[in-house]
Amino acid sequence: MEFLAKARFIRYSPFKLRPLVDVVRGKNVEDALNWLSTYSVGRSVPIQKVIQSAAANALHDSGIDAHKLMITD
């Protein structure tokens, strides 16, 4: 089952955000959030918010915990 979250009106270009997203793609949600929190660049904040939102959607809709979720495409 897929859970989606979208971010709109981000102040950073996709060209600058894509390398960060490529690193967290394929990881567990908890690992991705931990990595993004230690990465000290302001560009990681919108990505963190989107991942947290998708995890909250999964918890609310199906009761699935964040440690069972993986980040895909």
Protein backbone atom coordinates (compact mmCIF):
# COMPACT_ATOMS: atom_id res chain seq x y z
CA MET A 1 0.00 0.00 0.00
CA GLU A 2 1.28 3.46 -0.86
CA PHE A 3 0.90 6.60 1.20
CA LEU A 4 1.47 9.93 -0.48
CA ALA A 5 2.32 13.41 0.65
CA LYS A 6 3.00 16.41 -1.54
CA ALA A 7 4.82 19.64 -0.90
CA ARG A 8 3.94 22.72 -2.86
CA PHE A 9 5.54 26.13 -3.14
CA ILE A 10 8.97 25.03 -1.93
CA ARG A 11 11.54 27.81 -2.18
CA TYR A 12 14.31 25.52 -3.43
CA SER A 13 14.76 24.26 -6.95
CA PRO A 14 14.33 20.58 -7.75
CA PHE A 15 17.91 20.57 -9.02
CA LYS A 16 19.14 21.34 -5.50
CA LEU A 17 16.73 19.01 -3.68
CA ARG A 18 17.17 15.95 -5.89
CA PRO A 19 20.58 14.87 -4.47
CA LEU A 20 19.14 14.79 -0.96
CA VAL A 21 16.10 12.82 -2.07
CA ASP A 22 18.30 10.37 -3.96
CA VAL A 23 20.18 9.59 -0.74
CA VAL A 24 17.06 8.83 1.32
CA ARG A 25 15.23 6.94 -1.44
CA GLY A 26 15.08 3.25 -0.57
CA LYS A 27 15.69 3.77 3.14
CA ASN A 28 13.47 3.19 6.12
CA VAL A 29 11.50 6.29 7.18
CA GLU A 30 13.20 6.49 10.57
CA ASP A 31 16.66 6.19 9.03
CA ALA A 32 15.85 8.84 6.44
CA LEU A 33 14.55 11.28 9.05
CA ASN A 34 17.60 10.68 11.24
CA TRP A 35 19.94 11.30 8.32
CA LEU A 36 18.11 14.45 7.26
CA SER A 37 18.10 15.82 10.82
CA THR A 38 21.87 15.49 11.05
CA TYR A 39 22.42 17.01 7.61
CA SER A 40 22.84 20.68 8.40
CA VAL A 41 21.42 22.31 5.29
CA GLY A 42 18.17 24.25 5.17
CA ARG A 43 17.15 22.37 2.05
CA SER A 44 16.53 19.24 4.10
CA VAL A 45 13.64 20.79 6.06
CA PRO A 46 10.96 20.53 3.31
CA ILE A 47 11.98 16.94 2.62
CA GLN A 48 11.68 16.10 6.32
CA LYS A 49 8.21 17.64 6.45
CA VAL A 50 7.01 15.62 3.46
CA ILE A 51 8.34 12.36 4.89
CA GLN A 52 6.79 13.10 8.29
CA SER A 53 3.48 13.92 6.62
CA ALA A 54 3.47 10.66 4.65
CA ALA A 55 4.29 8.71 7.83
CA ALA A 56 1.46 10.47 9.66
CA ASN A 57 -0.91 9.65 6.80
CA ALA A 58 0.08 5.98 7.04
CA LEU A 59 -0.45 5.94 10.79
CA HIS A 60 -3.81 7.67 10.57
CA ASP A 61 -5.21 5.77 7.60
CA SER A 62 -3.95 2.23 8.27
CA GLY A 63 -2.27 2.27 11.66
CA ILE A 64 1.13 1.36 10.19
CA ASP A 65 4.13 2.52 12.24
CA ALA A 66 6.97 4.52 10.68
CA HIS A 67 9.60 1.83 11.25
CA LYS A 68 7.75 -0.45 8.78
CA LEU A 69 7.65 2.11 5.97
CA MET A 70 10.14 2.52 3.14
CA ILE A 71 10.67 5.54 0.93
CA THR A 72 10.15 4.82 -2.74
CA ASP A 73 9.88 6.82 -5.91
